Every structure is written in C-alpha cells, then in structure tokens.
C-alpha cells in the first residue's frame, strides 16, 4: 500500500512539474525581452516603447524592457538567454558574434549614427592629438564601441596605451564614474556617448575636441544597432519582422513629431532615475545623433577590423559572414 501511495504521489508531482514547465514555456513564447541603454543614442527604442508603437505592432506580445549601462553586459545577457533582442553598439555585437563561433548574434537593423565625442577637461591643456601623451583618458568598458574608437584613434596617431608600452593612460570606467572623475579633475579627457558628452561640456566646462562622426566617410557610422540572439531570430521570424517594421514606424513618428521627443526622453529619465536632464542638454545631444535604420554596414566591417587590430577578436583572422539577419547584396552592404 505504501509503495502504491508513493507511486501516486510521484505521478502527481510529475504532472505538476510538467504543467509548470508548459506554462513557463507559453509565457516565454508570449514575451519579448528587450534591452537598451538609458541614453539619447537609444532614443529609438525609448520612443518606440514609450509611445507603445512597439507593443501595438507585436500582436499582443508582452515586451519586457531591461536597461543596461554597457554593451558587453548586454551580450552576456543574450548568451544566457535572459535577453532576446537588444540595442547596442557595433563593437560588442561583433565581439559576441565572433566569440560565439558565428552562432550567437544577428544584426537585425541599424538604429543610430554618431552621438559620440572626445571631450577634454578645461585644465588638461589638450588642444590636439599631440597633447595626449601622459594624459589620463576615460572610456566605458573595455571592448565597447567607444573604447575601440579611442584606442584606434591613438594608434592611428602613433600613440599607444600604457599597458601596450605607450604613454597614454586609459581608464575603462562607467559613465557616472567618468563624470565624477572629470568633475574632480582626475581625468584629462573622455571618449563618451550622448548625453554624457554634452553634460561634460555644459556642466563641467569640458571642451569638445571632436565629434567621432568627423572621422568617418560622409560623417556617418553605425553607433547603435538592433541585434538578436541567433536562435531567437530563427525561431521567431514574424516577431523580428514586426520589430523591423516597428523601427521604421518609430523613426517616421520621430521625424513627424520632433517637438515631442525631448518631453518623452525627459519623462523616461524621470521614471528611470527620479530626475531628468536640462532641456538644452537633451536638445544638443539629440542634434548630434542621426536616427536611421539605413544600412551602414561598411562601418561594421571597419569596426571589426579595428577590434581585430586591437586584439579583441583573437589571433585568427575573423569572418563576419552571416552576422546580418537580412540577406543583403554586396552593393547594399557597402552603403
């Protein structure tokens, strides 16, 4: 009798476990986990979610938003399947694609161009590239897009970081720490995205030495891309298609409602941080960014070459075949 009772209990437990697993699977299928950053460069997903353009196009799919501060953190979350799709810089996207043996990441669309600047401290006496030797320069997490651009800029001007036998000190720290050290005159310059670049200029009297877009052909380069886990884009093609359409609809909304963008971003920041930014900082930051899904894939290849030369992609020659979700012809890929 005891054996039969134990058997019945065992079967009941199994049924409960299976039911829970099935329900969890259904919940997962009806949910899209979307990652992006709380900054002006990611105004596309911010507007898309705040105006419900995304949710209205997703056939009742629940969108769960996750906010991050750096690209490498996003890639780790994608690999752990705690994120499905994300807006992130090209540097971490490329690194994630290569390190996953070309199986982990797909670039779905471009989202923004520009919005990154090199800002010096007013007491640093930096007026040109020749003044950078011996200086302390900050960028976000090592391997992210700004870090790659900063180090490449140094090498192209015959300068090296101290850890590579050179004379320039590079600090890879968060944007909030960059602000703190900049305010204390403990760093000489920073390679940062908006709105942090404008905050350093406006609030701390920083000097904008250059806009990164000035270093690129036609002043255009991909600074934010929309990516997904490869398995997610393969198994949820209709959702990815809806997301691409949502991007385009959001851009059209931004272009037809320019006076509402500052208010949306302001309310978003208040909900996220409990305070907002000065209206001028938001407007100047937005003016330095081109919101566009137009393919700028040539810049992706350039970023990959820079990352490889910095040793971020391993010793073997990399291959980006398959990194783009959509099949594009050669001419379009080089736009």
C-alpha atoms as a PDB file:
ATOM      1  CA  UNK A   1       0.000   0.000   0.000  1.00  0.00           C
ATOM      2  CA  UNK A   2       2.806   2.389   0.902  1.00  0.00           C
ATOM      3  CA  UNK A   3       4.534   1.666  -2.403  1.00  0.00           C
ATOM      4  CA  UNK A   4       1.338   2.403  -4.350  1.00  0.00           C
ATOM      5  CA  UNK A   5       0.816   5.619  -2.395  1.00  0.00           C
ATOM      6  CA  UNK A   6       4.372   6.747  -3.102  1.00  0.00           C
ATOM      7  CA  UNK A   7       3.884   5.938  -6.772  1.00  0.00           C
ATOM      8  CA  UNK A   8       0.689   8.013  -6.922  1.00  0.00           C
ATOM      9  CA  UNK A   9       2.423  10.947  -5.184  1.00  0.00           C
ATOM     10  CA  UNK A  10       5.335  10.647  -7.604  1.00  0.00           C
ATOM     11  CA  UNK A  11       2.962  10.815 -10.598  1.00  0.00           C
ATOM     12  CA  UNK A  12       1.130  13.820  -9.151  1.00  0.00           C
ATOM     13  CA  UNK A  13       4.413  15.670  -8.611  1.00  0.00           C
ATOM     14  CA  UNK A  14       5.493  14.883 -12.170  1.00  0.00           C
ATOM     15  CA  UNK A  15       2.218  16.221 -13.555  1.00  0.00           C
ATOM     16  CA  UNK A  16       2.612  19.430 -11.555  1.00  0.00           C
ATOM     17  CA  UNK A  17       6.203  19.906 -12.756  1.00  0.00           C
ATOM     18  CA  UNK A  18       5.248  19.293 -16.384  1.00  0.00           C
ATOM     19  CA  UNK A  19       2.333  21.731 -16.059  1.00  0.00           C
ATOM     20  CA  UNK A  20       4.637  24.417 -14.641  1.00  0.00           C
ATOM     21  CA  UNK A  21       7.168  23.880 -17.404  1.00  0.00           C
ATOM     22  CA  UNK A  22       4.480  24.095 -20.063  1.00  0.00           C
ATOM     23  CA  UNK A  23       3.053  27.271 -18.572  1.00  0.00           C
ATOM     24  CA  UNK A  24       6.503  28.824 -18.312  1.00  0.00           C
ATOM     25  CA  UNK A  25       7.176  27.929 -21.933  1.00  0.00           C
ATOM     26  CA  UNK A  26       3.907  29.539 -23.017  1.00  0.00           C
ATOM     27  CA  UNK A  27       4.763  32.670 -21.023  1.00  0.00           C
ATOM     28  CA  UNK A  28       8.195  32.807 -22.643  1.00  0.00           C
ATOM     29  CA  UNK A  29       6.726  32.457 -26.119  1.00  0.00           C
ATOM     30  CA  UNK A  30       4.368  35.368 -25.433  1.00  0.00           C
ATOM     31  CA  UNK A  31       7.123  37.641 -24.168  1.00  0.00           C
ATOM     32  CA  UNK A  32       9.873  39.614 -25.845  1.00  0.00           C
ATOM     33  CA  UNK A  33      12.742  40.677 -23.577  1.00  0.00           C
ATOM     34  CA  UNK A  34      14.206  43.886 -24.989  1.00  0.00           C
ATOM     35  CA  UNK A  35      17.436  45.516 -23.808  1.00  0.00           C
ATOM     36  CA  UNK A  36      18.697  49.043 -24.412  1.00  0.00           C
ATOM     37  CA  UNK A  37      20.553  51.881 -22.668  1.00  0.00           C
ATOM     38  CA  UNK A  38      19.028  54.866 -20.849  1.00  0.00           C
ATOM     39  CA  UNK A  39      20.727  57.428 -23.071  1.00  0.00           C
ATOM     40  CA  UNK A  40      19.906  59.682 -26.000  1.00  0.00           C
ATOM     41  CA  UNK A  41      21.597  57.401 -28.517  1.00  0.00           C
ATOM     42  CA  UNK A  42      18.889  54.848 -27.785  1.00  0.00           C
ATOM     43  CA  UNK A  43      16.058  57.292 -28.371  1.00  0.00           C
ATOM     44  CA  UNK A  44      14.585  54.932 -30.988  1.00  0.00           C
ATOM     45  CA  UNK A  45      13.673  52.108 -28.561  1.00  0.00           C
ATOM     46  CA  UNK A  46      12.772  54.661 -25.872  1.00  0.00           C
ATOM     47  CA  UNK A  47      10.249  56.371 -28.146  1.00  0.00           C
ATOM     48  CA  UNK A  48       9.100  53.045 -29.562  1.00  0.00           C
ATOM     49  CA  UNK A  49       8.270  51.667 -26.134  1.00  0.00           C
ATOM     50  CA  UNK A  50       7.043  54.886 -24.509  1.00  0.00           C
ATOM     51  CA  UNK A  51       4.565  55.575 -27.345  1.00  0.00           C
ATOM     52  CA  UNK A  52       3.505  51.897 -27.489  1.00  0.00           C
ATOM     53  CA  UNK A  53       4.480  51.697 -31.156  1.00  0.00           C
ATOM     54  CA  UNK A  54       6.419  48.525 -30.418  1.00  0.00           C
ATOM     55  CA  UNK A  55       3.706  46.832 -28.381  1.00  0.00           C
ATOM     56  CA  UNK A  56       0.982  47.778 -30.884  1.00  0.00           C
ATOM     57  CA  UNK A  57       2.928  46.069 -33.669  1.00  0.00           C
ATOM     58  CA  UNK A  58       3.759  42.908 -31.762  1.00  0.00           C
ATOM     59  CA  UNK A  59       0.407  41.115 -31.942  1.00  0.00           C
ATOM     60  CA  UNK A  60      -0.212  41.308 -28.185  1.00  0.00           C
ATOM     61  CA  UNK A  61       3.321  40.094 -27.433  1.00  0.00           C
ATOM     62  CA  UNK A  62       4.345  41.320 -23.991  1.00  0.00           C
ATOM     63  CA  UNK A  63       7.514  43.429 -24.111  1.00  0.00           C
ATOM     64  CA  UNK A  64       9.726  43.294 -21.049  1.00  0.00           C
ATOM     65  CA  UNK A  65      12.341  46.051 -21.010  1.00  0.00           C
ATOM     66  CA  UNK A  66      15.785  45.679 -19.437  1.00  0.00           C
ATOM     67  CA  UNK A  67      18.137  48.636 -19.133  1.00  0.00           C
ATOM     68  CA  UNK A  68      21.922  48.282 -19.243  1.00  0.00           C
ATOM     69  CA  UNK A  69      24.939  50.556 -18.972  1.00  0.00           C
ATOM     70  CA  UNK A  70      27.390  48.778 -21.292  1.00  0.00           C
ATOM     71  CA  UNK A  71      27.400  46.632 -24.398  1.00  0.00           C
ATOM     72  CA  UNK A  72      29.454  43.694 -23.087  1.00  0.00           C
ATOM     73  CA  UNK A  73      26.890  43.237 -20.298  1.00  0.00           C
ATOM     74  CA  UNK A  74      24.138  43.030 -22.910  1.00  0.00           C
ATOM     75  CA  UNK A  75      25.998  40.363 -24.880  1.00  0.00           C
ATOM     76  CA  UNK A  76      26.440  38.264 -21.748  1.00  0.00           C
ATOM     77  CA  UNK A  77      22.705  38.512 -21.088  1.00  0.00           C
ATOM     78  CA  UNK A  78      21.920  37.460 -24.647  1.00  0.00           C
ATOM     79  CA  UNK A  79      24.148  34.420 -24.303  1.00  0.00           C
ATOM     80  CA  UNK A  80      22.463  33.484 -21.013  1.00  0.00           C
ATOM     81  CA  UNK A  81      19.073  33.882 -22.766  1.00  0.00           C
ATOM     82  CA  UNK A  82      17.878  36.461 -20.263  1.00  0.00           C
ATOM     83  CA  UNK A  83      17.540  38.893 -23.214  1.00  0.00           C
ATOM     84  CA  UNK A  84      16.060  38.203 -26.666  1.00  0.00           C
ATOM     85  CA  UNK A  85      16.819  41.368 -28.641  1.00  0.00           C
ATOM     86  CA  UNK A  86      18.876  44.452 -27.827  1.00  0.00           C
ATOM     87  CA  UNK A  87      20.041  47.849 -28.985  1.00  0.00           C
ATOM     88  CA  UNK A  88      23.792  48.042 -28.547  1.00  0.00           C
ATOM     89  CA  UNK A  89      26.966  49.355 -30.153  1.00  0.00           C
ATOM     90  CA  UNK A  90      28.679  47.557 -33.044  1.00  0.00           C
ATOM     91  CA  UNK A  91      31.807  46.704 -31.012  1.00  0.00           C
ATOM     92  CA  UNK A  92      30.181  44.298 -28.533  1.00  0.00           C
ATOM     93  CA  UNK A  93      27.936  42.932 -31.309  1.00  0.00           C
ATOM     94  CA  UNK A  94      30.920  41.959 -33.436  1.00  0.00           C
ATOM     95  CA  UNK A  95      32.792  40.539 -30.468  1.00  0.00           C
ATOM     96  CA  UNK A  96      29.788  38.454 -29.451  1.00  0.00           C
ATOM     97  CA  UNK A  97      29.338  37.132 -32.991  1.00  0.00           C
ATOM     98  CA  UNK A  98      32.973  36.057 -33.288  1.00  0.00           C
ATOM     99  CA  UNK A  99      33.254  34.580 -29.797  1.00  0.00           C
ATOM    100  CA  UNK A 100      30.118  32.500 -30.338  1.00  0.00           C
ATOM    101  CA  UNK A 101      31.651  30.976 -33.489  1.00  0.00           C
ATOM    102  CA  UNK A 102      29.171  32.997 -35.561  1.00  0.00           C
ATOM    103  CA  UNK A 103      26.191  31.286 -33.935  1.00  0.00           C
ATOM    104  CA  UNK A 104      25.125  33.664 -31.172  1.00  0.00           C
ATOM    105  CA  UNK A 105      24.342  37.107 -32.646  1.00  0.00           C
ATOM    106  CA  UNK A 106      22.470  38.545 -35.611  1.00  0.00           C
ATOM    107  CA  UNK A 107      22.424  42.237 -36.530  1.00  0.00           C
ATOM    108  CA  UNK A 108      18.813  42.999 -37.415  1.00  0.00           C
ATOM    109  CA  UNK A 109      18.994  46.684 -38.289  1.00  0.00           C
ATOM    110  CA  UNK A 110      20.873  49.903 -37.821  1.00  0.00           C
ATOM    111  CA  UNK A 111      19.351  52.313 -35.294  1.00  0.00           C
ATOM    112  CA  UNK A 112      21.598  55.380 -34.963  1.00  0.00           C
ATOM    113  CA  UNK A 113      24.669  57.098 -36.334  1.00  0.00           C
ATOM    114  CA  UNK A 114      27.012  59.377 -34.422  1.00  0.00           C
ATOM    115  CA  UNK A 115      26.368  60.751 -30.958  1.00  0.00           C
ATOM    116  CA  UNK A 116      29.901  60.115 -29.663  1.00  0.00           C
ATOM    117  CA  UNK A 117      32.511  62.786 -28.852  1.00  0.00           C
ATOM    118  CA  UNK A 118      36.016  63.240 -27.484  1.00  0.00           C
ATOM    119  CA  UNK A 119      35.839  65.781 -24.657  1.00  0.00           C
ATOM    120  CA  UNK A 120      38.823  67.238 -22.782  1.00  0.00           C
ATOM    121  CA  UNK A 121      38.954  68.738 -19.303  1.00  0.00           C
ATOM    122  CA  UNK A 122      39.410  72.532 -19.319  1.00  0.00           C
ATOM    123  CA  UNK A 123      42.533  72.215 -17.140  1.00  0.00           C
ATOM    124  CA  UNK A 124      44.133  69.459 -19.239  1.00  0.00           C
ATOM    125  CA  UNK A 125      45.726  71.799 -21.792  1.00  0.00           C
ATOM    126  CA  UNK A 126      44.752  69.376 -24.554  1.00  0.00           C
ATOM    127  CA  UNK A 127      44.208  71.172 -27.824  1.00  0.00           C
ATOM    128  CA  UNK A 128      45.287  68.492 -30.311  1.00  0.00           C
ATOM    129  CA  UNK A 129      46.355  64.861 -30.609  1.00  0.00           C
ATOM    130  CA  UNK A 130      49.961  65.857 -29.912  1.00  0.00           C
ATOM    131  CA  UNK A 131      48.984  66.781 -26.344  1.00  0.00           C
ATOM    132  CA  UNK A 132      47.699  63.318 -25.344  1.00  0.00           C
ATOM    133  CA  UNK A 133      50.995  61.775 -24.250  1.00  0.00           C
ATOM    134  CA  UNK A 134      50.979  61.258 -20.486  1.00  0.00           C
ATOM    135  CA  UNK A 135      47.264  62.077 -20.203  1.00  0.00           C
ATOM    136  CA  UNK A 136      44.506  60.095 -18.482  1.00  0.00           C
ATOM    137  CA  UNK A 137      41.658  59.345 -20.878  1.00  0.00           C
ATOM    138  CA  UNK A 138      38.461  57.526 -19.974  1.00  0.00           C
ATOM    139  CA  UNK A 139      36.084  55.363 -21.971  1.00  0.00           C
ATOM    140  CA  UNK A 140      33.491  52.840 -20.951  1.00  0.00           C
ATOM    141  CA  UNK A 141      34.021  49.106 -20.504  1.00  0.00           C
ATOM    142  CA  UNK A 142      36.931  47.612 -22.420  1.00  0.00           C
ATOM    143  CA  UNK A 143      35.821  46.262 -25.784  1.00  0.00           C
ATOM    144  CA  UNK A 144      32.802  48.528 -26.090  1.00  0.00           C
ATOM    145  CA  UNK A 145      32.373  50.820 -29.093  1.00  0.00           C
ATOM    146  CA  UNK A 146      33.866  53.964 -27.522  1.00  0.00           C
ATOM    147  CA  UNK A 147      36.843  52.022 -26.181  1.00  0.00           C
ATOM    148  CA  UNK A 148      37.579  50.611 -29.650  1.00  0.00           C
ATOM    149  CA  UNK A 149      37.312  54.057 -31.263  1.00  0.00           C
ATOM    150  CA  UNK A 150      39.552  55.716 -28.662  1.00  0.00           C
ATOM    151  CA  UNK A 151      42.301  53.119 -28.893  1.00  0.00           C
ATOM    152  CA  UNK A 152      42.146  53.113 -32.691  1.00  0.00           C
ATOM    153  CA  UNK A 153      42.418  56.906 -32.746  1.00  0.00           C
ATOM    154  CA  UNK A 154      45.541  56.704 -30.598  1.00  0.00           C
ATOM    155  CA  UNK A 155      47.206  54.049 -32.777  1.00  0.00           C
ATOM    156  CA  UNK A 156      46.376  55.930 -35.965  1.00  0.00           C
ATOM    157  CA  UNK A 157      48.211  58.911 -34.487  1.00  0.00           C
ATOM    158  CA  UNK A 158      51.240  56.852 -33.403  1.00  0.00           C
ATOM    159  CA  UNK A 159      50.261  56.745 -29.731  1.00  0.00           C
ATOM    160  CA  UNK A 160      49.751  53.709 -27.501  1.00  0.00           C
ATOM    161  CA  UNK A 161      48.137  52.991 -24.133  1.00  0.00           C
ATOM    162  CA  UNK A 162      50.480  52.480 -21.193  1.00  0.00           C
ATOM    163  CA  UNK A 163      49.517  48.792 -20.981  1.00  0.00           C
ATOM    164  CA  UNK A 164      50.825  48.366 -24.551  1.00  0.00           C
ATOM    165  CA  UNK A 165      54.103  50.134 -23.915  1.00  0.00           C
ATOM    166  CA  UNK A 166      52.846  53.616 -24.731  1.00  0.00           C
ATOM    167  CA  UNK A 167      52.358  56.839 -22.823  1.00  0.00           C
ATOM    168  CA  UNK A 168      48.560  57.319 -22.652  1.00  0.00           C
ATOM    169  CA  UNK A 169      46.664  56.119 -19.588  1.00  0.00           C
ATOM    170  CA  UNK A 170      43.258  54.638 -20.480  1.00  0.00           C
ATOM    171  CA  UNK A 171      40.653  54.177 -17.757  1.00  0.00           C
ATOM    172  CA  UNK A 172      37.749  51.872 -18.602  1.00  0.00           C
ATOM    173  CA  UNK A 173      35.018  53.002 -16.223  1.00  0.00           C
ATOM    174  CA  UNK A 174      31.273  53.693 -16.187  1.00  0.00           C
ATOM    175  CA  UNK A 175      29.816  56.951 -17.478  1.00  0.00           C
ATOM    176  CA  UNK A 176      28.846  58.028 -13.966  1.00  0.00           C
ATOM    177  CA  UNK A 177      32.424  57.459 -12.784  1.00  0.00           C
ATOM    178  CA  UNK A 178      33.703  59.404 -15.785  1.00  0.00           C
ATOM    179  CA  UNK A 179      31.534  62.324 -14.705  1.00  0.00           C
ATOM    180  CA  UNK A 180      32.774  62.111 -11.110  1.00  0.00           C
ATOM    181  CA  UNK A 181      36.467  61.943 -12.032  1.00  0.00           C
ATOM    182  CA  UNK A 182      36.039  64.680 -14.645  1.00  0.00           C
ATOM    183  CA  UNK A 183      34.466  66.952 -12.015  1.00  0.00           C
ATOM    184  CA  UNK A 184      37.416  66.309  -9.684  1.00  0.00           C
ATOM    185  CA  UNK A 185      39.991  66.926 -12.438  1.00  0.00           C
ATOM    186  CA  UNK A 186      41.243  63.355 -12.037  1.00  0.00           C
ATOM    187  CA  UNK A 187      40.995  62.550 -15.755  1.00  0.00           C
ATOM    188  CA  UNK A 188      42.114  64.691 -18.673  1.00  0.00           C
ATOM    189  CA  UNK A 189      39.601  63.625 -21.331  1.00  0.00           C
ATOM    190  CA  UNK A 190      36.875  61.127 -22.175  1.00  0.00           C
ATOM    191  CA  UNK A 191      35.531  59.395 -25.277  1.00  0.00           C
ATOM    192  CA  UNK A 192      31.810  59.246 -24.481  1.00  0.00           C
ATOM    193  CA  UNK A 193      28.357  58.948 -25.989  1.00  0.00           C
ATOM    194  CA  UNK A 194      25.453  61.337 -25.605  1.00  0.00           C
ATOM    195  CA  UNK A 195      24.112  62.774 -23.412  1.00  0.00           C
ATOM    196  CA  UNK A 196      27.295  62.370 -21.334  1.00  0.00           C
ATOM    197  CA  UNK A 197      29.440  64.252 -23.846  1.00  0.00           C
ATOM    198  CA  UNK A 198      27.152  67.280 -23.724  1.00  0.00           C
ATOM    199  CA  UNK A 199      26.846  67.017 -19.925  1.00  0.00           C
ATOM    200  CA  UNK A 200      30.639  67.222 -19.594  1.00  0.00           C
ATOM    201  CA  UNK A 201      30.681  70.251 -21.906  1.00  0.00           C
ATOM    202  CA  UNK A 202      27.681  72.042 -20.428  1.00  0.00           C
ATOM    203  CA  UNK A 203      28.000  71.267 -16.707  1.00  0.00           C
ATOM    204  CA  UNK A 204      31.762  70.844 -16.283  1.00  0.00           C
ATOM    205  CA  UNK A 205      33.063  73.218 -18.977  1.00  0.00           C
ATOM    206  CA  UNK A 206      34.624  70.397 -20.997  1.00  0.00           C
ATOM    207  CA  UNK A 207      35.951  71.095 -24.469  1.00  0.00           C
ATOM    208  CA  UNK A 208      34.551  69.001 -27.324  1.00  0.00           C
ATOM    209  CA  UNK A 209      37.733  68.209 -29.244  1.00  0.00           C
ATOM    210  CA  UNK A 210      35.916  66.266 -31.947  1.00  0.00           C
ATOM    211  CA  UNK A 211      32.732  64.501 -32.936  1.00  0.00           C
ATOM    212  CA  UNK A 212      33.581  60.929 -33.850  1.00  0.00           C
ATOM    213  CA  UNK A 213      31.479  61.181 -36.994  1.00  0.00           C
ATOM    214  CA  UNK A 214      34.096  63.614 -38.342  1.00  0.00           C
ATOM    215  CA  UNK A 215      36.487  60.650 -38.537  1.00  0.00           C
ATOM    216  CA  UNK A 216      34.162  58.648 -40.829  1.00  0.00           C
ATOM    217  CA  UNK A 217      33.353  58.887 -44.542  1.00  0.00           C
ATOM    218  CA  UNK A 218      30.384  61.192 -45.177  1.00  0.00           C
ATOM    219  CA  UNK A 219      30.283  61.730 -41.374  1.00  0.00           C
ATOM    220  CA  UNK A 220      28.210  58.571 -40.946  1.00  0.00           C
ATOM    221  CA  UNK A 221      28.865  55.415 -38.982  1.00  0.00           C
ATOM    222  CA  UNK A 222      26.724  52.924 -37.152  1.00  0.00           C
ATOM    223  CA  UNK A 223      26.794  53.720 -33.443  1.00  0.00           C
ATOM    224  CA  UNK A 224      23.736  51.724 -32.343  1.00  0.00           C
ATOM    225  CA  UNK A 225      22.424  48.529 -33.932  1.00  0.00           C
ATOM    226  CA  UNK A 226      19.498  46.257 -33.179  1.00  0.00           C
ATOM    227  CA  UNK A 227      20.633  42.686 -32.573  1.00  0.00           C
ATOM    228  CA  UNK A 228      19.053  39.424 -31.501  1.00  0.00           C
ATOM    229  CA  UNK A 229      20.092  36.003 -30.348  1.00  0.00           C
ATOM    230  CA  UNK A 230      20.523  33.858 -33.439  1.00  0.00           C
ATOM    231  CA  UNK A 231      18.212  31.162 -32.104  1.00  0.00           C
ATOM    232  CA  UNK A 232      15.538  33.735 -31.296  1.00  0.00           C
ATOM    233  CA  UNK A 233      15.608  35.335 -34.758  1.00  0.00           C
ATOM    234  CA  UNK A 234      15.492  31.858 -36.332  1.00  0.00           C
ATOM    235  CA  UNK A 235      12.545  30.660 -34.249  1.00  0.00           C
ATOM    236  CA  UNK A 236      10.560  33.929 -34.184  1.00  0.00           C
ATOM    237  CA  UNK A 237      10.787  35.295 -37.712  1.00  0.00           C
ATOM    238  CA  UNK A 238       7.400  37.014 -37.575  1.00  0.00           C
ATOM    239  CA  UNK A 239       8.357  38.829 -34.354  1.00  0.00           C
ATOM    240  CA  UNK A 240      11.625  40.017 -35.899  1.00  0.00           C
ATOM    241  CA  UNK A 241       9.703  41.199 -38.949  1.00  0.00           C
ATOM    242  CA  UNK A 242       7.296  43.107 -36.686  1.00  0.00           C
ATOM    243  CA  UNK A 243      10.245  44.611 -34.826  1.00  0.00           C
ATOM    244  CA  UNK A 244      11.838  45.838 -38.054  1.00  0.00           C
ATOM    245  CA  UNK A 245       8.543  47.451 -39.023  1.00  0.00           C
ATOM    246  CA  UNK A 246       8.288  48.982 -35.543  1.00  0.00           C
ATOM    247  CA  UNK A 247      11.711  50.567 -36.032  1.00  0.00           C
ATOM    248  CA  UNK A 248      10.624  52.183 -39.258  1.00  0.00           C
ATOM    249  CA  UNK A 249       7.317  53.376 -37.822  1.00  0.00           C
ATOM    250  CA  UNK A 250       9.098  54.846 -34.794  1.00  0.00           C
ATOM    251  CA  UNK A 251      11.532  56.766 -36.989  1.00  0.00           C
ATOM    252  CA  UNK A 252       8.606  58.149 -39.003  1.00  0.00           C
ATOM    253  CA  UNK A 253       6.948  59.193 -35.747  1.00  0.00           C
ATOM    254  CA  UNK A 254      10.161  60.881 -34.557  1.00  0.00           C
ATOM    255  CA  UNK A 255      10.507  62.760 -37.829  1.00  0.00           C
ATOM    256  CA  UNK A 256       6.902  63.983 -37.739  1.00  0.00           C
ATOM    257  CA  UNK A 257       6.856  64.808 -34.018  1.00  0.00           C
ATOM    258  CA  UNK A 258      10.242  66.457 -33.331  1.00  0.00           C
ATOM    259  CA  UNK A 259       8.809  68.721 -30.628  1.00  0.00           C
ATOM    260  CA  UNK A 260       7.660  65.763 -28.548  1.00  0.00           C
ATOM    261  CA  UNK A 261      10.972  63.883 -28.398  1.00  0.00           C
ATOM    262  CA  UNK A 262      12.503  65.982 -25.627  1.00  0.00           C
ATOM    263  CA  UNK A 263       9.410  65.546 -23.461  1.00  0.00           C
ATOM    264  CA  UNK A 264       9.347  61.766 -23.966  1.00  0.00           C
ATOM    265  CA  UNK A 265      13.015  61.392 -23.102  1.00  0.00           C
ATOM    266  CA  UNK A 266      12.623  63.719 -20.134  1.00  0.00           C
ATOM    267  CA  UNK A 267       9.722  61.652 -18.730  1.00  0.00           C
ATOM    268  CA  UNK A 268      11.619  58.421 -19.394  1.00  0.00           C
ATOM    269  CA  UNK A 269      14.641  59.643 -17.414  1.00  0.00           C
ATOM    270  CA  UNK A 270      12.441  60.805 -14.571  1.00  0.00           C
ATOM    271  CA  UNK A 271      10.767  57.396 -14.350  1.00  0.00           C
ATOM    272  CA  UNK A 272      14.133  55.615 -14.550  1.00  0.00           C
ATOM    273  CA  UNK A 273      16.345  57.824 -12.380  1.00  0.00           C
ATOM    274  CA  UNK A 274      13.946  60.005 -10.433  1.00  0.00           C
ATOM    275  CA  UNK A 275      15.221  63.157 -12.130  1.00  0.00           C
ATOM    276  CA  UNK A 276      15.653  64.498 -15.645  1.00  0.00           C
ATOM    277  CA  UNK A 277      18.180  66.496 -17.626  1.00  0.00           C
ATOM    278  CA  UNK A 278      18.275  70.124 -18.620  1.00  0.00           C
ATOM    279  CA  UNK A 279      16.259  70.734 -21.785  1.00  0.00           C
ATOM    280  CA  UNK A 280      19.269  72.238 -23.579  1.00  0.00           C
ATOM    281  CA  UNK A 281      21.406  69.155 -22.829  1.00  0.00           C
ATOM    282  CA  UNK A 282      18.758  66.873 -24.309  1.00  0.00           C
ATOM    283  CA  UNK A 283      18.276  69.036 -27.402  1.00  0.00           C
ATOM    284  CA  UNK A 284      22.007  69.423 -28.096  1.00  0.00           C
ATOM    285  CA  UNK A 285      22.548  65.694 -27.554  1.00  0.00           C
ATOM    286  CA  UNK A 286      19.742  64.808 -29.966  1.00  0.00           C
ATOM    287  CA  UNK A 287      21.141  67.208 -32.577  1.00  0.00           C
ATOM    288  CA  UNK A 288      24.393  65.199 -32.593  1.00  0.00           C
ATOM    289  CA  UNK A 289      22.656  61.930 -33.460  1.00  0.00           C
ATOM    290  CA  UNK A 290      21.200  60.667 -36.719  1.00  0.00           C
ATOM    291  CA  UNK A 291      18.363  58.236 -36.043  1.00  0.00           C
ATOM    292  CA  UNK A 292      18.249  55.901 -39.016  1.00  0.00           C
ATOM    293  CA  UNK A 293      17.759  52.262 -39.968  1.00  0.00           C
ATOM    294  CA  UNK A 294      19.594  52.816 -43.250  1.00  0.00           C
ATOM    295  CA  UNK A 295      22.295  50.156 -43.532  1.00  0.00           C
ATOM    296  CA  UNK A 296      25.755  51.479 -42.687  1.00  0.00           C
ATOM    297  CA  UNK A 297      27.307  48.046 -42.846  1.00  0.00           C
ATOM    298  CA  UNK A 298      30.653  49.230 -44.186  1.00  0.00           C
ATOM    299  CA  UNK A 299      31.238  50.803 -40.765  1.00  0.00           C
ATOM    300  CA  UNK A 300      30.529  47.418 -39.132  1.00  0.00           C
ATOM    301  CA  UNK A 301      33.369  45.909 -41.164  1.00  0.00           C
ATOM    302  CA  UNK A 302      35.600  48.825 -40.230  1.00  0.00           C
ATOM    303  CA  UNK A 303      34.816  48.394 -36.530  1.00  0.00           C
ATOM    304  CA  UNK A 304      35.620  44.687 -36.870  1.00  0.00           C
ATOM    305  CA  UNK A 305      38.987  45.457 -38.419  1.00  0.00           C
ATOM    306  CA  UNK A 306      39.770  47.922 -35.632  1.00  0.00           C
ATOM    307  CA  UNK A 307      38.752  45.416 -32.948  1.00  0.00           C
ATOM    308  CA  UNK A 308      40.886  42.736 -34.583  1.00  0.00           C
ATOM    309  CA  UNK A 309      43.930  45.018 -34.732  1.00  0.00           C
ATOM    310  CA  UNK A 310      43.440  45.758 -31.031  1.00  0.00           C
ATOM    311  CA  UNK A 311      43.451  42.036 -30.259  1.00  0.00           C
ATOM    312  CA  UNK A 312      39.787  41.903 -29.209  1.00  0.00           C
ATOM    313  CA  UNK A 313      38.773  39.227 -31.730  1.00  0.00           C
ATOM    314  CA  UNK A 314      41.518  36.673 -31.094  1.00  0.00           C
ATOM    315  CA  UNK A 315      44.579  35.831 -33.128  1.00  0.00           C
ATOM    316  CA  UNK A 316      42.936  34.087 -36.052  1.00  0.00           C
ATOM    317  CA  UNK A 317      41.511  36.189 -38.861  1.00  0.00           C
ATOM    318  CA  UNK A 318      37.838  36.842 -38.231  1.00  0.00           C
ATOM    319  CA  UNK A 319      34.929  36.211 -40.610  1.00  0.00           C
ATOM    320  CA  UNK A 320      31.691  38.222 -40.432  1.00  0.00           C
ATOM    321  CA  UNK A 321      29.788  36.039 -42.882  1.00  0.00           C
ATOM    322  CA  UNK A 322      26.287  35.603 -41.515  1.00  0.00           C
ATOM    323  CA  UNK A 323      26.346  38.450 -38.995  1.00  0.00           C
ATOM    324  CA  UNK A 324      23.461  40.252 -40.720  1.00  0.00           C
ATOM    325  CA  UNK A 325      19.979  38.814 -40.342  1.00  0.00           C
ATOM    326  CA  UNK A 326      18.750  40.058 -43.702  1.00  0.00           C
ATOM    327  CA  UNK A 327      20.355  38.801 -46.892  1.00  0.00           C
ATOM    328  CA  UNK A 328      21.844  41.902 -48.482  1.00  0.00           C
ATOM    329  CA  UNK A 329      23.665  42.181 -51.782  1.00  0.00           C
ATOM    330  CA  UNK A 330      27.257  43.386 -51.836  1.00  0.00           C
ATOM    331  CA  UNK A 331      26.451  46.873 -53.047  1.00  0.00           C
ATOM    332  CA  UNK A 332      23.935  47.499 -50.290  1.00  0.00           C
ATOM    333  CA  UNK A 333      26.262  46.069 -47.651  1.00  0.00           C
ATOM    334  CA  UNK A 334      28.840  48.691 -48.548  1.00  0.00           C
ATOM    335  CA  UNK A 335      26.470  51.658 -48.193  1.00  0.00           C
END
